[in-house]
Amino acid sequence: MSGPEDAEVAGKFQAMLLRAPGTRVEGGTDEIMRNIIAERVLGLPGDIRVDKDVPFNKIPTKGRA
């Protein structure tokens, strides 16, 4: 790819290459996907969640009164 006629193809390839990590994150991180597969497909036990039965607005956070 050294001629001017190849510049458009090279630009598209570069854009695709630079966009690849973002596309991967948008679809869900690898860890989340592994957890979903482990729990739903393989039937493994889920992560321990101590706040499972607590409403979202009642979960304690730093700096919130």
PDB file of N, CA and C in Angstrom:
ATOM      1  N   MET A   1       0.843  -1.187   0.000  1.00  0.00           N
ATOM      2  CA  MET A   1       0.000   0.000   0.000  1.00  0.00           C
ATOM      3  C   MET A   1       0.877   1.235   0.000  1.00  0.00           C
ATOM      4  N   SER A   2       1.337   1.588  -1.149  1.00  0.00           N
ATOM      5  CA  SER A   2       2.221   2.746  -1.230  1.00  0.00           C
ATOM      6  C   SER A   2       1.706   3.815  -2.177  1.00  0.00           C
ATOM      7  N   GLY A   3       0.720   3.504  -2.974  1.00  0.00           N
ATOM      8  CA  GLY A   3       0.217   4.474  -3.929  1.00  0.00           C
ATOM      9  C   GLY A   3      -0.949   5.275  -3.378  1.00  0.00           C
ATOM     10  N   PRO A   4      -1.260   6.400  -4.020  1.00  0.00           N
ATOM     11  CA  PRO A   4      -2.369   7.236  -3.564  1.00  0.00           C
ATOM     12  C   PRO A   4      -3.735   6.541  -3.692  1.00  0.00           C
ATOM     13  N   GLU A   5      -3.845   5.585  -4.608  1.00  0.00           N
ATOM     14  CA  GLU A   5      -5.113   4.882  -4.765  1.00  0.00           C
ATOM     15  C   GLU A   5      -5.389   3.939  -3.585  1.00  0.00           C
ATOM     16  N   ASP A   6      -4.359   3.608  -2.836  1.00  0.00           N
ATOM     17  CA  ASP A   6      -4.520   2.734  -1.675  1.00  0.00           C
ATOM     18  C   ASP A   6      -4.771   3.508  -0.379  1.00  0.00           C
ATOM     19  N   ALA A   7      -4.736   4.807  -0.432  1.00  0.00           N
ATOM     20  CA  ALA A   7      -4.874   5.616   0.781  1.00  0.00           C
ATOM     21  C   ALA A   7      -6.238   5.424   1.450  1.00  0.00           C
ATOM     22  N   GLU A   8      -7.285   5.341   0.662  1.00  0.00           N
ATOM     23  CA  GLU A   8      -8.621   5.166   1.240  1.00  0.00           C
ATOM     24  C   GLU A   8      -8.740   3.823   1.960  1.00  0.00           C
ATOM     25  N   VAL A   9      -8.219   2.780   1.344  1.00  0.00           N
ATOM     26  CA  VAL A   9      -8.254   1.453   1.962  1.00  0.00           C
ATOM     27  C   VAL A   9      -7.420   1.445   3.237  1.00  0.00           C
ATOM     28  N   ALA A  10      -6.248   2.075   3.195  1.00  0.00           N
ATOM     29  CA  ALA A  10      -5.379   2.135   4.376  1.00  0.00           C
ATOM     30  C   ALA A  10      -6.061   2.909   5.492  1.00  0.00           C
ATOM     31  N   GLY A  11      -6.770   3.976   5.158  1.00  0.00           N
ATOM     32  CA  GLY A  11      -7.479   4.765   6.163  1.00  0.00           C
ATOM     33  C   GLY A  11      -8.607   3.980   6.809  1.00  0.00           C
ATOM     34  N   LYS A  12      -9.336   3.224   6.028  1.00  0.00           N
ATOM     35  CA  LYS A  12     -10.418   2.401   6.573  1.00  0.00           C
ATOM     36  C   LYS A  12      -9.863   1.313   7.490  1.00  0.00           C
ATOM     37  N   PHE A  13      -8.742   0.709   7.072  1.00  0.00           N
ATOM     38  CA  PHE A  13      -8.116  -0.315   7.899  1.00  0.00           C
ATOM     39  C   PHE A  13      -7.636   0.280   9.221  1.00  0.00           C
ATOM     40  N   GLN A  14      -7.023   1.452   9.152  1.00  0.00           N
ATOM     41  CA  GLN A  14      -6.542   2.109  10.366  1.00  0.00           C
ATOM     42  C   GLN A  14      -7.697   2.446  11.298  1.00  0.00           C
ATOM     43  N   ALA A  15      -8.781   2.967  10.774  1.00  0.00           N
ATOM     44  CA  ALA A  15      -9.944   3.298  11.596  1.00  0.00           C
ATOM     45  C   ALA A  15     -10.519   2.049  12.249  1.00  0.00           C
ATOM     46  N   MET A  16     -10.590   0.960  11.494  1.00  0.00           N
ATOM     47  CA  MET A  16     -11.110  -0.289  12.041  1.00  0.00           C
ATOM     48  C   MET A  16     -10.192  -0.822  13.141  1.00  0.00           C
ATOM     49  N   LEU A  17      -8.894  -0.731  12.923  1.00  0.00           N
ATOM     50  CA  LEU A  17      -7.922  -1.220  13.888  1.00  0.00           C
ATOM     51  C   LEU A  17      -7.982  -0.409  15.183  1.00  0.00           C
ATOM     52  N   LEU A  18      -8.099   0.904  15.073  1.00  0.00           N
ATOM     53  CA  LEU A  18      -8.156   1.750  16.258  1.00  0.00           C
ATOM     54  C   LEU A  18      -9.493   1.623  16.989  1.00  0.00           C
ATOM     55  N   ARG A  19     -10.528   1.242  16.301  1.00  0.00           N
ATOM     56  CA  ARG A  19     -11.863   1.127  16.888  1.00  0.00           C
ATOM     57  C   ARG A  19     -12.081  -0.217  17.580  1.00  0.00           C
ATOM     58  N   ALA A  20     -11.282  -1.221  17.269  1.00  0.00           N
ATOM     59  CA  ALA A  20     -11.489  -2.580  17.769  1.00  0.00           C
ATOM     60  C   ALA A  20     -11.585  -2.680  19.286  1.00  0.00           C
ATOM     61  N   PRO A  21     -10.695  -2.065  20.078  1.00  0.00           N
ATOM     62  CA  PRO A  21     -10.834  -2.196  21.538  1.00  0.00           C
ATOM     63  C   PRO A  21     -12.147  -1.614  22.066  1.00  0.00           C
ATOM     64  N   GLY A  22     -12.588  -0.500  21.505  1.00  0.00           N
ATOM     65  CA  GLY A  22     -13.843   0.105  21.939  1.00  0.00           C
ATOM     66  C   GLY A  22     -15.040  -0.777  21.629  1.00  0.00           C
ATOM     67  N   THR A  23     -15.028  -1.400  20.483  1.00  0.00           N
ATOM     68  CA  THR A  23     -16.115  -2.289  20.093  1.00  0.00           C
ATOM     69  C   THR A  23     -16.183  -3.487  21.035  1.00  0.00           C
ATOM     70  N   ARG A  24     -15.038  -3.959  21.442  1.00  0.00           N
ATOM     71  CA  ARG A  24     -14.992  -5.107  22.356  1.00  0.00           C
ATOM     72  C   ARG A  24     -15.586  -4.749  23.716  1.00  0.00           C
ATOM     73  N   VAL A  25     -15.294  -3.551  24.204  1.00  0.00           N
ATOM     74  CA  VAL A  25     -15.810  -3.122  25.503  1.00  0.00           C
ATOM     75  C   VAL A  25     -17.313  -2.860  25.415  1.00  0.00           C
ATOM     76  N   GLU A  26     -17.772  -2.310  24.320  1.00  0.00           N
ATOM     77  CA  GLU A  26     -19.194  -2.010  24.163  1.00  0.00           C
ATOM     78  C   GLU A  26     -20.050  -3.265  24.260  1.00  0.00           C
ATOM     79  N   GLY A  27     -19.553  -4.361  23.787  1.00  0.00           N
ATOM     80  CA  GLY A  27     -20.311  -5.597  23.803  1.00  0.00           C
ATOM     81  C   GLY A  27     -20.361  -6.248  25.176  1.00  0.00           C
ATOM     82  N   GLY A  28     -19.617  -5.752  26.119  1.00  0.00           N
ATOM     83  CA  GLY A  28     -19.525  -6.344  27.456  1.00  0.00           C
ATOM     84  C   GLY A  28     -18.110  -6.799  27.699  1.00  0.00           C
ATOM     85  N   THR A  29     -17.596  -6.527  28.865  1.00  0.00           N
ATOM     86  CA  THR A  29     -16.228  -6.922  29.128  1.00  0.00           C
ATOM     87  C   THR A  29     -16.112  -8.432  29.184  1.00  0.00           C
ATOM     88  N   ASP A  30     -14.916  -8.906  28.991  1.00  0.00           N
ATOM     89  CA  ASP A  30     -14.684 -10.349  28.992  1.00  0.00           C
ATOM     90  C   ASP A  30     -15.092 -10.986  30.319  1.00  0.00           C
ATOM     91  N   GLU A  31     -14.826 -10.288  31.411  1.00  0.00           N
ATOM     92  CA  GLU A  31     -15.155 -10.849  32.718  1.00  0.00           C
ATOM     93  C   GLU A  31     -16.662 -11.010  32.899  1.00  0.00           C
ATOM     94  N   ILE A  32     -17.419 -10.028  32.459  1.00  0.00           N
ATOM     95  CA  ILE A  32     -18.874 -10.103  32.576  1.00  0.00           C
ATOM     96  C   ILE A  32     -19.415 -11.237  31.706  1.00  0.00           C
ATOM     97  N   MET A  33     -18.888 -11.344  30.500  1.00  0.00           N
ATOM     98  CA  MET A  33     -19.335 -12.403  29.610  1.00  0.00           C
ATOM     99  C   MET A  33     -18.998 -13.782  30.187  1.00  0.00           C
ATOM    100  N   ARG A  34     -17.828 -13.903  30.797  1.00  0.00           N
ATOM    101  CA  ARG A  34     -17.457 -15.181  31.411  1.00  0.00           C
ATOM    102  C   ARG A  34     -18.388 -15.513  32.569  1.00  0.00           C
ATOM    103  N   ASN A  35     -18.741 -14.506  33.368  1.00  0.00           N
ATOM    104  CA  ASN A  35     -19.663 -14.733  34.478  1.00  0.00           C
ATOM    105  C   ASN A  35     -21.031 -15.184  33.965  1.00  0.00           C
ATOM    106  N   ILE A  36     -21.513 -14.557  32.923  1.00  0.00           N
ATOM    107  CA  ILE A  36     -22.814 -14.918  32.363  1.00  0.00           C
ATOM    108  C   ILE A  36     -22.785 -16.355  31.851  1.00  0.00           C
ATOM    109  N   ILE A  37     -21.733 -16.703  31.129  1.00  0.00           N
ATOM    110  CA  ILE A  37     -21.619 -18.072  30.610  1.00  0.00           C
ATOM    111  C   ILE A  37     -21.522 -19.064  31.759  1.00  0.00           C
ATOM    112  N   ALA A  38     -20.715 -18.736  32.777  1.00  0.00           N
ATOM    113  CA  ALA A  38     -20.534 -19.653  33.908  1.00  0.00           C
ATOM    114  C   ALA A  38     -21.845 -19.888  34.644  1.00  0.00           C
ATOM    115  N   GLU A  39     -22.595 -18.802  34.877  1.00  0.00           N
ATOM    116  CA  GLU A  39     -23.823 -18.928  35.662  1.00  0.00           C
ATOM    117  C   GLU A  39     -24.974 -19.518  34.853  1.00  0.00           C
ATOM    118  N   ARG A  40     -25.196 -19.022  33.659  1.00  0.00           N
ATOM    119  CA  ARG A  40     -26.379 -19.418  32.895  1.00  0.00           C
ATOM    120  C   ARG A  40     -26.190 -20.692  32.084  1.00  0.00           C
ATOM    121  N   VAL A  41     -25.025 -20.841  31.483  1.00  0.00           N
ATOM    122  CA  VAL A  41     -24.815 -21.989  30.602  1.00  0.00           C
ATOM    123  C   VAL A  41     -24.285 -23.191  31.380  1.00  0.00           C
ATOM    124  N   LEU A  42     -23.254 -22.943  32.188  1.00  0.00           N
ATOM    125  CA  LEU A  42     -22.622 -24.056  32.908  1.00  0.00           C
ATOM    126  C   LEU A  42     -23.292 -24.369  34.236  1.00  0.00           C
ATOM    127  N   GLY A  43     -24.148 -23.465  34.709  1.00  0.00           N
ATOM    128  CA  GLY A  43     -24.860 -23.699  35.956  1.00  0.00           C
ATOM    129  C   GLY A  43     -24.011 -23.541  37.206  1.00  0.00           C
ATOM    130  N   LEU A  44     -22.904 -22.820  37.110  1.00  0.00           N
ATOM    131  CA  LEU A  44     -22.047 -22.597  38.277  1.00  0.00           C
ATOM    132  C   LEU A  44     -22.696 -21.579  39.201  1.00  0.00           C
ATOM    133  N   PRO A  45     -22.354 -21.609  40.491  1.00  0.00           N
ATOM    134  CA  PRO A  45     -22.951 -20.644  41.418  1.00  0.00           C
ATOM    135  C   PRO A  45     -22.496 -19.221  41.102  1.00  0.00           C
ATOM    136  N   GLY A  46     -23.392 -18.276  41.331  1.00  0.00           N
ATOM    137  CA  GLY A  46     -23.082 -16.879  41.071  1.00  0.00           C
ATOM    138  C   GLY A  46     -22.198 -16.261  42.137  1.00  0.00           C
ATOM    139  N   ASP A  47     -21.752 -15.062  41.884  1.00  0.00           N
ATOM    140  CA  ASP A  47     -20.955 -14.332  42.859  1.00  0.00           C
ATOM    141  C   ASP A  47     -21.787 -14.044  44.099  1.00  0.00           C
ATOM    142  N   ILE A  48     -21.126 -14.003  45.243  1.00  0.00           N
ATOM    143  CA  ILE A  48     -21.807 -13.688  46.497  1.00  0.00           C
ATOM    144  C   ILE A  48     -22.119 -12.195  46.511  1.00  0.00           C
ATOM    145  N   ARG A  49     -23.396 -11.867  46.704  1.00  0.00           N
ATOM    146  CA  ARG A  49     -23.814 -10.458  46.750  1.00  0.00           C
ATOM    147  C   ARG A  49     -24.519 -10.215  48.073  1.00  0.00           C
ATOM    148  N   VAL A  50     -23.874  -9.452  48.935  1.00  0.00           N
ATOM    149  CA  VAL A  50     -24.463  -9.171  50.245  1.00  0.00           C
ATOM    150  C   VAL A  50     -25.602  -8.165  50.146  1.00  0.00           C
ATOM    151  N   ASP A  51     -25.670  -7.438  49.045  1.00  0.00           N
ATOM    152  CA  ASP A  51     -26.709  -6.414  48.894  1.00  0.00           C
ATOM    153  C   ASP A  51     -27.838  -6.861  47.963  1.00  0.00           C
ATOM    154  N   LYS A  52     -28.010  -8.145  47.783  1.00  0.00           N
ATOM    155  CA  LYS A  52     -28.991  -8.659  46.839  1.00  0.00           C
ATOM    156  C   LYS A  52     -30.421  -8.237  47.170  1.00  0.00           C
ATOM    157  N   ASP A  53     -30.779  -8.235  48.449  1.00  0.00           N
ATOM    158  CA  ASP A  53     -32.147  -7.902  48.842  1.00  0.00           C
ATOM    159  C   ASP A  53     -32.299  -6.467  49.331  1.00  0.00           C
ATOM    160  N   VAL A  54     -31.300  -5.618  49.067  1.00  0.00           N
ATOM    161  CA  VAL A  54     -31.325  -4.224  49.527  1.00  0.00           C
ATOM    162  C   VAL A  54     -31.705  -3.340  48.345  1.00  0.00           C
ATOM    163  N   PRO A  55     -32.682  -2.431  48.515  1.00  0.00           N
ATOM    164  CA  PRO A  55     -33.018  -1.512  47.420  1.00  0.00           C
ATOM    165  C   PRO A  55     -31.816  -0.641  47.051  1.00  0.00           C
ATOM    166  N   PHE A  56     -31.742  -0.249  45.799  1.00  0.00           N
ATOM    167  CA  PHE A  56     -30.597   0.521  45.303  1.00  0.00           C
ATOM    168  C   PHE A  56     -30.376   1.797  46.107  1.00  0.00           C
ATOM    169  N   ASN A  57     -31.443   2.503  46.470  1.00  0.00           N
ATOM    170  CA  ASN A  57     -31.285   3.765  47.197  1.00  0.00           C
ATOM    171  C   ASN A  57     -30.886   3.563  48.654  1.00  0.00           C
ATOM    172  N   LYS A  58     -30.856   2.338  49.131  1.00  0.00           N
ATOM    173  CA  LYS A  58     -30.454   2.052  50.511  1.00  0.00           C
ATOM    174  C   LYS A  58     -29.039   1.494  50.621  1.00  0.00           C
ATOM    175  N   ILE A  59     -28.374   1.296  49.484  1.00  0.00           N
ATOM    176  CA  ILE A  59     -27.003   0.761  49.498  1.00  0.00           C
ATOM    177  C   ILE A  59     -26.070   1.860  49.991  1.00  0.00           C
ATOM    178  N   PRO A  60     -25.291   1.592  51.052  1.00  0.00           N
ATOM    179  CA  PRO A  60     -24.402   2.621  51.589  1.00  0.00           C
ATOM    180  C   PRO A  60     -23.249   2.922  50.623  1.00  0.00           C
ATOM    181  N   THR A  61     -22.935   4.202  50.482  1.00  0.00           N
ATOM    182  CA  THR A  61     -21.802   4.628  49.667  1.00  0.00           C
ATOM    183  C   THR A  61     -21.012   5.660  50.445  1.00  0.00           C
ATOM    184  N   LYS A  62     -19.791   5.892  50.026  1.00  0.00           N
ATOM    185  CA  LYS A  62     -18.947   6.889  50.685  1.00  0.00           C
ATOM    186  C   LYS A  62     -19.479   8.287  50.387  1.00  0.00           C
ATOM    187  N   GLY A  63     -19.511   9.118  51.412  1.00  0.00           N
ATOM    188  CA  GLY A  63     -19.857  10.521  51.234  1.00  0.00           C
ATOM    189  C   GLY A  63     -21.327  10.810  51.061  1.00  0.00           C
ATOM    190  N   ARG A  64     -22.184   9.801  51.055  1.00  0.00           N
ATOM    191  CA  ARG A  64     -23.618  10.058  50.894  1.00  0.00           C
ATOM    192  C   ARG A  64     -24.283   9.978  52.255  1.00  0.00           C
ATOM    193  N   ALA A  65     -25.085  10.971  52.549  1.00  0.00           N
ATOM    194  CA  ALA A  65     -25.745  11.018  53.850  1.00  0.00           C
ATOM    195  C   ALA A  65     -27.006  10.203  53.876  1.00  0.00           C
TER     196      ALA A  65
END
